[in-house]
Amino acid sequence: MTSAPTAAVEATLGGSVETVERLDGGMVGDVFRVELADGRVTVAKTGEHDLSTEGRMLSSLAAESDLPVPEVYHSDADLLCIEYVEGESTITPAVERDAARQLADLHRVEGRAFGFPFDTLTGPVPQPNPWTERWIPFYRDQRVRSICDRASQAGTLSDELAARVERACADFESLLTEPEAPALLHGDAWRTNLLTDGQRVTAFLDPACYYGHPEIELAYVDWTETFGDAFFERYRRERGVELAGFFDRRRFVYRLYPLLVHVHLFGGQYRAELAETLGCLGY
C-alpha cells in the first residue's frame, strides 16, 4: 500500500498534517483526504503517471465553464492537491436531470476547432489534441486510430480486431455527423467521477477534456449506464436536439473509443464487447 504523502503536502501547502484518510481513487494514483492542523482540508493524489495534466484539465474546465470541479491548490508531476468536496456517487432522477442541465451548459462552450490547447489523458492513456477543423477526422485519427495503434503495438489488441476497427474507420464519414460547433467536453463523466448530494452533482472529477461532438459524451454516459431516461429527456429539452439517429447507430460508433481504451488497459470482457459492437455495426 502506498504511504500517505504527508511530507509532500506539508512542504507544498505549508503547515502540519493532522489526519490522513485513504479515499477510493480512480485508475491513476492513490488518493487521500488530508486535514491540516490549521483546519484546511485537501484531497492529495500521488501516482506513477504525471499528475500535472489532471491539474491543468481541472483548471481549464474551471476557467472556461461553470461546471463544478474541485479547485486546484497544487499540481506537479508527482502530487496533485485539490479541494475536498463532500458527496457520494448516488444517482437519483433529480441528479440525472441536474447532470443533464450542467453538461448541456458545458456543451454550449464553443472552441475554435476540435482538439485542445494541450494533450490530455483518459485515465493513464494519452489523448492527442491537435486542432482539427472537422470532427469526423479528429475522432477517427486522434481517438480511434490513436488508441488502436497504441494497443496494437503493445500487443493488447489482436490484428483481427484492429483490422475490423480500421474497416469501420473507413466508413466514419457516412456513419457520423458533424456538430454545429466544437463543444467543450468533460470526457469521462460516469458514476465514479461524480459527487452528488442526492439532488444535484456537486463536483465532476477526473476529466479527460477536449473540444468535440457532444454526442461522444452522451454515448459514454449511455455505455457506462451512469444515467438513464431522466437524463436524456432533460438533455433533449436543454439542447433542443433530436437523438433518434444517435440511439439507433451513432452511439455504437462512439463506443469504439472507450472500448479500445478498456481493451488496452484491462483486456478480458472488453475484447468480446468490442467484437460485439463492431458486429452490431456490420464490421
C-alpha atoms as a PDB file:
ATOM      1  CA  MET A   1       0.000   0.000   0.000  1.00  0.00           C
ATOM      2  CA  THR A   2       1.333   3.428  -0.937  1.00  0.00           C
ATOM      3  CA  SER A   3       2.208   5.577   2.076  1.00  0.00           C
ATOM      4  CA  ALA A   4       0.406   8.870   2.599  1.00  0.00           C
ATOM      5  CA  PRO A   5       2.143  11.909   1.054  1.00  0.00           C
ATOM      6  CA  THR A   6       2.305  13.716   4.412  1.00  0.00           C
ATOM      7  CA  ALA A   7       5.700  15.347   3.965  1.00  0.00           C
ATOM      8  CA  ALA A   8       4.960  16.388   0.382  1.00  0.00           C
ATOM      9  CA  VAL A   9       1.662  18.032   1.341  1.00  0.00           C
ATOM     10  CA  GLU A  10       3.282  19.851   4.254  1.00  0.00           C
ATOM     11  CA  ALA A  11       6.094  21.122   2.046  1.00  0.00           C
ATOM     12  CA  THR A  12       3.707  22.158  -0.716  1.00  0.00           C
ATOM     13  CA  LEU A  13       0.819  23.720   1.206  1.00  0.00           C
ATOM     14  CA  GLY A  14       2.626  24.727   4.385  1.00  0.00           C
ATOM     15  CA  GLY A  15       1.507  23.799   7.886  1.00  0.00           C
ATOM     16  CA  SER A  16       1.463  20.401   9.548  1.00  0.00           C
ATOM     17  CA  VAL A  17      -0.777  17.481   8.651  1.00  0.00           C
ATOM     18  CA  GLU A  18      -3.291  16.496  11.328  1.00  0.00           C
ATOM     19  CA  THR A  19      -5.089  13.492   9.783  1.00  0.00           C
ATOM     20  CA  VAL A  20      -4.880  11.410   6.627  1.00  0.00           C
ATOM     21  CA  GLU A  21      -7.634   9.145   5.269  1.00  0.00           C
ATOM     22  CA  ARG A  22      -7.340   6.984   2.183  1.00  0.00           C
ATOM     23  CA  LEU A  23     -10.154   7.522  -0.332  1.00  0.00           C
ATOM     24  CA  ASP A  24     -11.412   5.394  -3.183  1.00  0.00           C
ATOM     25  CA  GLY A  25      -9.432   6.512  -6.224  1.00  0.00           C
ATOM     26  CA  GLY A  26      -9.540   6.039  -9.948  1.00  0.00           C
ATOM     27  CA  MET A  27      -7.160   4.072 -12.107  1.00  0.00           C
ATOM     28  CA  VAL A  28      -4.473   6.756 -11.859  1.00  0.00           C
ATOM     29  CA  GLY A  29      -2.859   7.264  -8.475  1.00  0.00           C
ATOM     30  CA  ASP A  30      -3.603   6.892  -4.786  1.00  0.00           C
ATOM     31  CA  VAL A  31      -5.994   9.390  -3.217  1.00  0.00           C
ATOM     32  CA  PHE A  32      -6.084  10.733   0.340  1.00  0.00           C
ATOM     33  CA  ARG A  33      -8.192  13.183   2.332  1.00  0.00           C
ATOM     34  CA  VAL A  34      -5.715  15.312   4.252  1.00  0.00           C
ATOM     35  CA  GLU A  35      -6.632  17.675   7.074  1.00  0.00           C
ATOM     36  CA  LEU A  36      -4.055  20.184   8.202  1.00  0.00           C
ATOM     37  CA  ALA A  37      -3.675  21.491  11.740  1.00  0.00           C
ATOM     38  CA  ASP A  38      -4.972  24.914  10.695  1.00  0.00           C
ATOM     39  CA  GLY A  39      -8.279  23.389   9.550  1.00  0.00           C
ATOM     40  CA  ARG A  40      -7.635  23.299   5.828  1.00  0.00           C
ATOM     41  CA  VAL A  41      -8.715  20.123   4.037  1.00  0.00           C
ATOM     42  CA  THR A  42      -7.384  18.899   0.706  1.00  0.00           C
ATOM     43  CA  VAL A  43      -7.501  15.825  -1.457  1.00  0.00           C
ATOM     44  CA  ALA A  44      -3.966  14.699  -2.277  1.00  0.00           C
ATOM     45  CA  LYS A  45      -3.272  12.354  -5.172  1.00  0.00           C
ATOM     46  CA  THR A  46       0.006  10.596  -5.911  1.00  0.00           C
ATOM     47  CA  GLY A  47       0.887   8.088  -8.622  1.00  0.00           C
ATOM     48  CA  GLU A  48       3.264   6.779 -11.241  1.00  0.00           C
ATOM     49  CA  HIS A  49       1.863   8.985 -14.026  1.00  0.00           C
ATOM     50  CA  ASP A  50       2.343  12.730 -14.463  1.00  0.00           C
ATOM     51  CA  LEU A  51      -0.429  14.343 -12.429  1.00  0.00           C
ATOM     52  CA  SER A  52       0.129  17.850 -13.744  1.00  0.00           C
ATOM     53  CA  THR A  53      -2.122  17.147 -16.739  1.00  0.00           C
ATOM     54  CA  GLU A  54      -5.079  16.391 -14.473  1.00  0.00           C
ATOM     55  CA  GLY A  55      -4.479  19.661 -12.658  1.00  0.00           C
ATOM     56  CA  ARG A  56      -4.366  21.570 -15.935  1.00  0.00           C
ATOM     57  CA  MET A  57      -7.589  19.926 -17.112  1.00  0.00           C
ATOM     58  CA  LEU A  58      -9.443  20.834 -13.915  1.00  0.00           C
ATOM     59  CA  SER A  59      -8.158  24.403 -14.093  1.00  0.00           C
ATOM     60  CA  SER A  60      -9.194  24.654 -17.752  1.00  0.00           C
ATOM     61  CA  LEU A  61     -12.726  23.490 -17.011  1.00  0.00           C
ATOM     62  CA  ALA A  62     -12.975  25.966 -14.121  1.00  0.00           C
ATOM     63  CA  ALA A  63     -11.741  28.820 -16.308  1.00  0.00           C
ATOM     64  CA  GLU A  64     -13.827  28.046 -19.391  1.00  0.00           C
ATOM     65  CA  SER A  65     -17.125  26.887 -17.881  1.00  0.00           C
ATOM     66  CA  ASP A  66     -19.407  26.861 -14.856  1.00  0.00           C
ATOM     67  CA  LEU A  67     -19.081  23.089 -14.405  1.00  0.00           C
ATOM     68  CA  PRO A  68     -18.460  22.405 -10.700  1.00  0.00           C
ATOM     69  CA  VAL A  69     -14.958  20.986 -10.410  1.00  0.00           C
ATOM     70  CA  PRO A  70     -12.603  20.973  -7.401  1.00  0.00           C
ATOM     71  CA  GLU A  71     -10.269  23.934  -7.096  1.00  0.00           C
ATOM     72  CA  VAL A  72      -6.633  23.058  -7.768  1.00  0.00           C
ATOM     73  CA  TYR A  73      -4.314  24.059  -4.919  1.00  0.00           C
ATOM     74  CA  HIS A  74      -1.151  22.494  -6.317  1.00  0.00           C
ATOM     75  CA  SER A  75      -0.251  20.436  -9.348  1.00  0.00           C
ATOM     76  CA  ASP A  76       3.016  18.879 -10.469  1.00  0.00           C
ATOM     77  CA  ALA A  77       4.162  15.574 -11.896  1.00  0.00           C
ATOM     78  CA  ASP A  78       4.181  13.780  -8.542  1.00  0.00           C
ATOM     79  CA  LEU A  79       1.497  15.460  -6.434  1.00  0.00           C
ATOM     80  CA  LEU A  80      -1.961  16.899  -7.048  1.00  0.00           C
ATOM     81  CA  CYS A  81      -3.743  18.768  -4.254  1.00  0.00           C
ATOM     82  CA  ILE A  82      -7.339  19.786  -4.886  1.00  0.00           C
ATOM     83  CA  GLU A  83     -10.375  20.993  -2.972  1.00  0.00           C
ATOM     84  CA  TYR A  84     -12.181  18.407  -0.879  1.00  0.00           C
ATOM     85  CA  VAL A  85     -15.867  18.272  -1.858  1.00  0.00           C
ATOM     86  CA  GLU A  86     -18.422  16.425   0.244  1.00  0.00           C
ATOM     87  CA  GLY A  87     -20.627  13.971  -1.588  1.00  0.00           C
ATOM     88  CA  GLU A  88     -21.243  10.428  -2.719  1.00  0.00           C
ATOM     89  CA  SER A  89     -21.882   8.852  -6.103  1.00  0.00           C
ATOM     90  CA  THR A  90     -25.600   8.278  -5.512  1.00  0.00           C
ATOM     91  CA  ILE A  91     -27.635   8.695  -8.701  1.00  0.00           C
ATOM     92  CA  THR A  92     -31.296   9.694  -8.452  1.00  0.00           C
ATOM     93  CA  PRO A  93     -33.680  11.058 -11.123  1.00  0.00           C
ATOM     94  CA  ALA A  94     -33.063  14.541  -9.694  1.00  0.00           C
ATOM     95  CA  VAL A  95     -29.294  14.041 -10.029  1.00  0.00           C
ATOM     96  CA  GLU A  96     -29.766  12.829 -13.608  1.00  0.00           C
ATOM     97  CA  ARG A  97     -31.723  15.934 -14.533  1.00  0.00           C
ATOM     98  CA  ASP A  98     -29.173  18.197 -12.848  1.00  0.00           C
ATOM     99  CA  ALA A  99     -26.294  16.434 -14.628  1.00  0.00           C
ATOM    100  CA  ALA A 100     -28.106  16.879 -17.948  1.00  0.00           C
ATOM    101  CA  ARG A 101     -28.502  20.591 -17.296  1.00  0.00           C
ATOM    102  CA  GLN A 102     -24.872  21.018 -16.282  1.00  0.00           C
ATOM    103  CA  LEU A 103     -23.459  19.026 -19.193  1.00  0.00           C
ATOM    104  CA  ALA A 104     -25.764  20.842 -21.623  1.00  0.00           C
ATOM    105  CA  ASP A 105     -24.352  24.133 -20.302  1.00  0.00           C
ATOM    106  CA  LEU A 106     -20.820  22.782 -20.686  1.00  0.00           C
ATOM    107  CA  HIS A 107     -21.534  21.772 -24.276  1.00  0.00           C
ATOM    108  CA  ARG A 108     -22.558  25.340 -25.084  1.00  0.00           C
ATOM    109  CA  VAL A 109     -18.940  26.422 -24.557  1.00  0.00           C
ATOM    110  CA  GLU A 110     -17.503  26.509 -28.079  1.00  0.00           C
ATOM    111  CA  GLY A 111     -13.907  26.023 -29.165  1.00  0.00           C
ATOM    112  CA  ARG A 112     -12.095  27.410 -32.184  1.00  0.00           C
ATOM    113  CA  ALA A 113     -11.690  23.864 -33.562  1.00  0.00           C
ATOM    114  CA  PHE A 114     -11.740  20.255 -32.397  1.00  0.00           C
ATOM    115  CA  GLY A 115      -8.923  19.444 -30.015  1.00  0.00           C
ATOM    116  CA  PHE A 116      -7.492  21.302 -27.021  1.00  0.00           C
ATOM    117  CA  PRO A 117      -4.625  23.663 -26.173  1.00  0.00           C
ATOM    118  CA  PHE A 118      -2.663  20.685 -24.813  1.00  0.00           C
ATOM    119  CA  ASP A 119      -2.760  16.895 -24.979  1.00  0.00           C
ATOM    120  CA  THR A 120      -4.902  15.391 -22.235  1.00  0.00           C
ATOM    121  CA  LEU A 121      -5.402  11.968 -20.653  1.00  0.00           C
ATOM    122  CA  THR A 122      -8.181   9.456 -20.237  1.00  0.00           C
ATOM    123  CA  GLY A 123      -7.063   7.527 -17.190  1.00  0.00           C
ATOM    124  CA  PRO A 124      -3.376   6.890 -17.929  1.00  0.00           C
ATOM    125  CA  VAL A 125      -3.864   6.868 -21.726  1.00  0.00           C
ATOM    126  CA  PRO A 126      -2.672   9.938 -23.691  1.00  0.00           C
ATOM    127  CA  GLN A 127      -5.261  11.806 -25.757  1.00  0.00           C
ATOM    128  CA  PRO A 128      -3.649  13.733 -28.651  1.00  0.00           C
ATOM    129  CA  ASN A 129      -5.472  17.004 -29.294  1.00  0.00           C
ATOM    130  CA  PRO A 130      -4.125  18.776 -32.387  1.00  0.00           C
ATOM    131  CA  TRP A 131      -6.508  21.496 -33.547  1.00  0.00           C
ATOM    132  CA  THR A 132      -8.602  19.976 -36.338  1.00  0.00           C
ATOM    133  CA  GLU A 133     -11.239  21.743 -38.439  1.00  0.00           C
ATOM    134  CA  ARG A 134     -13.646  18.812 -38.764  1.00  0.00           C
ATOM    135  CA  TRP A 135     -14.920  16.446 -36.094  1.00  0.00           C
ATOM    136  CA  ILE A 136     -15.066  13.170 -38.017  1.00  0.00           C
ATOM    137  CA  PRO A 137     -11.355  13.158 -38.982  1.00  0.00           C
ATOM    138  CA  PHE A 138     -10.480  14.170 -35.405  1.00  0.00           C
ATOM    139  CA  TYR A 139     -12.488  11.337 -33.883  1.00  0.00           C
ATOM    140  CA  ARG A 140     -11.189   8.820 -36.427  1.00  0.00           C
ATOM    141  CA  ASP A 141      -7.490   9.736 -36.274  1.00  0.00           C
ATOM    142  CA  GLN A 142      -6.892  11.259 -32.822  1.00  0.00           C
ATOM    143  CA  ARG A 143      -9.190   8.990 -30.869  1.00  0.00           C
ATOM    144  CA  VAL A 144      -9.966   5.640 -32.504  1.00  0.00           C
ATOM    145  CA  ARG A 145      -6.877   5.144 -34.648  1.00  0.00           C
ATOM    146  CA  SER A 146      -4.613   6.584 -31.971  1.00  0.00           C
ATOM    147  CA  ILE A 147      -5.638   4.099 -29.277  1.00  0.00           C
ATOM    148  CA  CYS A 148      -5.924   1.298 -31.838  1.00  0.00           C
ATOM    149  CA  ASP A 149      -2.301   1.836 -32.858  1.00  0.00           C
ATOM    150  CA  ARG A 150      -1.180   2.084 -29.230  1.00  0.00           C
ATOM    151  CA  ALA A 151      -2.968  -1.129 -28.269  1.00  0.00           C
ATOM    152  CA  SER A 152      -1.726  -2.980 -31.352  1.00  0.00           C
ATOM    153  CA  GLN A 153       1.873  -2.001 -30.657  1.00  0.00           C
ATOM    154  CA  ALA A 154       1.506  -3.090 -27.031  1.00  0.00           C
ATOM    155  CA  GLY A 155       0.016  -6.433 -28.063  1.00  0.00           C
ATOM    156  CA  THR A 156      -3.248  -5.814 -26.200  1.00  0.00           C
ATOM    157  CA  LEU A 157      -5.339  -5.696 -29.389  1.00  0.00           C
ATOM    158  CA  SER A 158      -5.342  -8.565 -31.885  1.00  0.00           C
ATOM    159  CA  ASP A 159      -4.604  -7.981 -35.558  1.00  0.00           C
ATOM    160  CA  GLU A 160      -8.063  -9.323 -36.410  1.00  0.00           C
ATOM    161  CA  LEU A 161      -9.857  -6.826 -34.176  1.00  0.00           C
ATOM    162  CA  ALA A 162      -7.584  -3.995 -35.331  1.00  0.00           C
ATOM    163  CA  ALA A 163      -8.461  -4.758 -38.956  1.00  0.00           C
ATOM    164  CA  ARG A 164     -12.166  -4.681 -38.153  1.00  0.00           C
ATOM    165  CA  VAL A 165     -11.764  -1.340 -36.391  1.00  0.00           C
ATOM    166  CA  GLU A 166      -9.955   0.049 -39.416  1.00  0.00           C
ATOM    167  CA  ARG A 167     -12.763  -1.067 -41.733  1.00  0.00           C
ATOM    168  CA  ALA A 168     -15.192   0.847 -39.533  1.00  0.00           C
ATOM    169  CA  CYS A 169     -12.918   3.909 -39.531  1.00  0.00           C
ATOM    170  CA  ALA A 170     -13.013   3.949 -43.317  1.00  0.00           C
ATOM    171  CA  ASP A 171     -16.796   4.480 -43.154  1.00  0.00           C
ATOM    172  CA  PHE A 172     -16.960   7.113 -40.399  1.00  0.00           C
ATOM    173  CA  GLU A 173     -17.879   9.830 -42.906  1.00  0.00           C
ATOM    174  CA  SER A 174     -21.145   8.014 -43.619  1.00  0.00           C
ATOM    175  CA  LEU A 175     -21.710   6.765 -40.068  1.00  0.00           C
ATOM    176  CA  LEU A 176     -21.277  10.032 -38.169  1.00  0.00           C
ATOM    177  CA  THR A 177     -22.377  13.649 -38.422  1.00  0.00           C
ATOM    178  CA  GLU A 178     -20.581  16.948 -37.873  1.00  0.00           C
ATOM    179  CA  PRO A 179     -21.804  19.071 -34.941  1.00  0.00           C
ATOM    180  CA  GLU A 180     -22.750  22.715 -35.331  1.00  0.00           C
ATOM    181  CA  ALA A 181     -19.622  23.739 -33.395  1.00  0.00           C
ATOM    182  CA  PRO A 182     -16.836  22.183 -31.300  1.00  0.00           C
ATOM    183  CA  ALA A 183     -18.185  21.756 -27.756  1.00  0.00           C
ATOM    184  CA  LEU A 184     -16.249  21.583 -24.507  1.00  0.00           C
ATOM    185  CA  LEU A 185     -16.477  18.055 -23.075  1.00  0.00           C
ATOM    186  CA  HIS A 186     -15.707  16.636 -19.647  1.00  0.00           C
ATOM    187  CA  GLY A 187     -14.705  13.422 -21.399  1.00  0.00           C
ATOM    188  CA  ASP A 188     -15.095  10.927 -18.528  1.00  0.00           C
ATOM    189  CA  ALA A 189     -18.485  11.658 -16.973  1.00  0.00           C
ATOM    190  CA  TRP A 190     -19.531   8.461 -15.279  1.00  0.00           C
ATOM    191  CA  ARG A 191     -20.674   7.415 -11.815  1.00  0.00           C
ATOM    192  CA  THR A 192     -17.305   7.150 -10.050  1.00  0.00           C
ATOM    193  CA  ASN A 193     -16.246  10.574 -11.338  1.00  0.00           C
ATOM    194  CA  LEU A 194     -19.289  12.319  -9.864  1.00  0.00           C
ATOM    195  CA  LEU A 195     -20.007  13.597  -6.367  1.00  0.00           C
ATOM    196  CA  THR A 196     -23.689  14.136  -5.602  1.00  0.00           C
ATOM    197  CA  ASP A 197     -25.936  15.098  -2.689  1.00  0.00           C
ATOM    198  CA  GLY A 198     -28.956  13.151  -3.922  1.00  0.00           C
ATOM    199  CA  GLN A 199     -30.379  16.183  -5.746  1.00  0.00           C
ATOM    200  CA  ARG A 200     -27.531  17.550  -7.818  1.00  0.00           C
ATOM    201  CA  VAL A 201     -23.981  16.889  -8.931  1.00  0.00           C
ATOM    202  CA  THR A 202     -21.731  18.795  -6.521  1.00  0.00           C
ATOM    203  CA  ALA A 203     -18.496  18.033  -8.387  1.00  0.00           C
ATOM    204  CA  PHE A 204     -17.273  16.451 -11.620  1.00  0.00           C
ATOM    205  CA  LEU A 205     -13.931  14.721 -11.060  1.00  0.00           C
ATOM    206  CA  ASP A 206     -11.117  13.239 -13.175  1.00  0.00           C
ATOM    207  CA  PRO A 207     -11.827  14.887 -16.537  1.00  0.00           C
ATOM    208  CA  ALA A 208     -10.472  13.833 -19.921  1.00  0.00           C
ATOM    209  CA  CYS A 209     -11.466  17.092 -21.569  1.00  0.00           C
ATOM    210  CA  TYR A 210     -11.229  18.477 -25.102  1.00  0.00           C
ATOM    211  CA  TYR A 211     -13.486  20.155 -27.668  1.00  0.00           C
ATOM    212  CA  GLY A 212     -15.522  17.601 -29.591  1.00  0.00           C
ATOM    213  CA  HIS A 213     -19.011  16.444 -30.526  1.00  0.00           C
ATOM    214  CA  PRO A 214     -21.435  16.387 -27.555  1.00  0.00           C
ATOM    215  CA  GLU A 215     -22.702  13.013 -28.757  1.00  0.00           C
ATOM    216  CA  ILE A 216     -19.498  11.282 -27.681  1.00  0.00           C
ATOM    217  CA  GLU A 217     -20.160  12.456 -24.107  1.00  0.00           C
ATOM    218  CA  LEU A 218     -23.735  11.174 -24.312  1.00  0.00           C
ATOM    219  CA  ALA A 219     -22.560   7.862 -25.751  1.00  0.00           C
ATOM    220  CA  TYR A 220     -20.166   7.393 -22.825  1.00  0.00           C
ATOM    221  CA  VAL A 221     -22.947   8.128 -20.322  1.00  0.00           C
ATOM    222  CA  ASP A 222     -25.099   5.568 -22.145  1.00  0.00           C
ATOM    223  CA  TRP A 223     -22.347   2.921 -22.368  1.00  0.00           C
ATOM    224  CA  THR A 224     -21.466   3.173 -18.671  1.00  0.00           C
ATOM    225  CA  GLU A 225     -25.171   3.189 -17.727  1.00  0.00           C
ATOM    226  CA  THR A 226     -24.483   6.155 -15.467  1.00  0.00           C
ATOM    227  CA  PHE A 227     -27.763   7.887 -16.346  1.00  0.00           C
ATOM    228  CA  GLY A 228     -30.997   6.840 -17.993  1.00  0.00           C
ATOM    229  CA  ASP A 229     -34.218   8.301 -19.339  1.00  0.00           C
ATOM    230  CA  ALA A 230     -34.419  11.236 -16.905  1.00  0.00           C
ATOM    231  CA  PHE A 231     -31.005  12.443 -18.071  1.00  0.00           C
ATOM    232  CA  PHE A 232     -31.664  12.127 -21.795  1.00  0.00           C
ATOM    233  CA  GLU A 233     -35.118  13.675 -21.615  1.00  0.00           C
ATOM    234  CA  ARG A 234     -33.753  16.724 -19.804  1.00  0.00           C
ATOM    235  CA  TYR A 235     -30.762  16.967 -22.143  1.00  0.00           C
ATOM    236  CA  ARG A 236     -33.055  16.936 -25.184  1.00  0.00           C
ATOM    237  CA  ARG A 237     -35.045  19.830 -23.743  1.00  0.00           C
ATOM    238  CA  GLU A 238     -31.947  21.788 -22.725  1.00  0.00           C
ATOM    239  CA  ARG A 239     -30.203  21.478 -26.062  1.00  0.00           C
ATOM    240  CA  GLY A 240     -33.176  21.124 -28.391  1.00  0.00           C
ATOM    241  CA  VAL A 241     -31.575  18.154 -30.173  1.00  0.00           C
ATOM    242  CA  GLU A 242     -33.058  15.056 -31.776  1.00  0.00           C
ATOM    243  CA  LEU A 243     -31.296  11.884 -30.621  1.00  0.00           C
ATOM    244  CA  ALA A 244     -33.137   9.214 -32.624  1.00  0.00           C
ATOM    245  CA  GLY A 245     -30.261   8.603 -35.055  1.00  0.00           C
ATOM    246  CA  PHE A 246     -27.827   8.726 -32.170  1.00  0.00           C
ATOM    247  CA  PHE A 247     -29.549   5.907 -30.303  1.00  0.00           C
ATOM    248  CA  ASP A 248     -30.101   3.856 -33.445  1.00  0.00           C
ATOM    249  CA  ARG A 249     -26.473   3.772 -34.579  1.00  0.00           C
ATOM    250  CA  ARG A 250     -24.078   6.585 -33.716  1.00  0.00           C
ATOM    251  CA  ARG A 251     -23.787   5.732 -30.031  1.00  0.00           C
ATOM    252  CA  PHE A 252     -22.266   2.389 -31.028  1.00  0.00           C
ATOM    253  CA  VAL A 253     -19.675   4.105 -33.237  1.00  0.00           C
ATOM    254  CA  TYR A 254     -18.749   6.303 -30.270  1.00  0.00           C
ATOM    255  CA  ARG A 255     -18.425   3.258 -28.008  1.00  0.00           C
ATOM    256  CA  LEU A 256     -15.446   2.127 -30.043  1.00  0.00           C
ATOM    257  CA  TYR A 257     -13.127   4.646 -28.404  1.00  0.00           C
ATOM    258  CA  PRO A 258     -13.755   3.814 -24.714  1.00  0.00           C
ATOM    259  CA  LEU A 259     -13.923   0.130 -25.576  1.00  0.00           C
ATOM    260  CA  LEU A 260     -10.484   0.288 -27.197  1.00  0.00           C
ATOM    261  CA  VAL A 261      -9.133   2.138 -24.159  1.00  0.00           C
ATOM    262  CA  HIS A 262     -10.539  -0.554 -21.874  1.00  0.00           C
ATOM    263  CA  VAL A 263      -9.265  -3.366 -24.115  1.00  0.00           C
ATOM    264  CA  HIS A 264      -5.799  -1.805 -23.912  1.00  0.00           C
ATOM    265  CA  LEU A 265      -5.901  -1.368 -20.129  1.00  0.00           C
ATOM    266  CA  PHE A 266      -7.894  -4.402 -18.994  1.00  0.00           C
ATOM    267  CA  GLY A 267      -8.467  -6.844 -21.875  1.00  0.00           C
ATOM    268  CA  GLY A 268     -10.817  -9.638 -20.834  1.00  0.00           C
ATOM    269  CA  GLN A 269     -14.518  -8.987 -21.356  1.00  0.00           C
ATOM    270  CA  TYR A 270     -13.860  -5.761 -23.241  1.00  0.00           C
ATOM    271  CA  ARG A 271     -12.395  -7.638 -26.215  1.00  0.00           C
ATOM    272  CA  ALA A 272     -15.639  -9.578 -26.554  1.00  0.00           C
ATOM    273  CA  GLU A 273     -17.684  -6.396 -26.164  1.00  0.00           C
ATOM    274  CA  LEU A 274     -15.591  -4.614 -28.788  1.00  0.00           C
ATOM    275  CA  ALA A 275     -16.104  -7.509 -31.203  1.00  0.00           C
ATOM    276  CA  GLU A 276     -19.843  -7.494 -30.477  1.00  0.00           C
ATOM    277  CA  THR A 277     -20.098  -3.738 -31.049  1.00  0.00           C
ATOM    278  CA  LEU A 278     -18.221  -3.985 -34.351  1.00  0.00           C
ATOM    279  CA  GLY A 279     -20.534  -6.810 -35.379  1.00  0.00           C
ATOM    280  CA  CYS A 280     -23.578  -4.718 -34.485  1.00  0.00           C
ATOM    281  CA  LEU A 281     -22.244  -2.037 -36.830  1.00  0.00           C
ATOM    282  CA  GLY A 282     -21.652  -4.553 -39.606  1.00  0.00           C
ATOM    283  CA  TYR A 283     -17.881  -4.944 -39.336  1.00  0.00           C
END
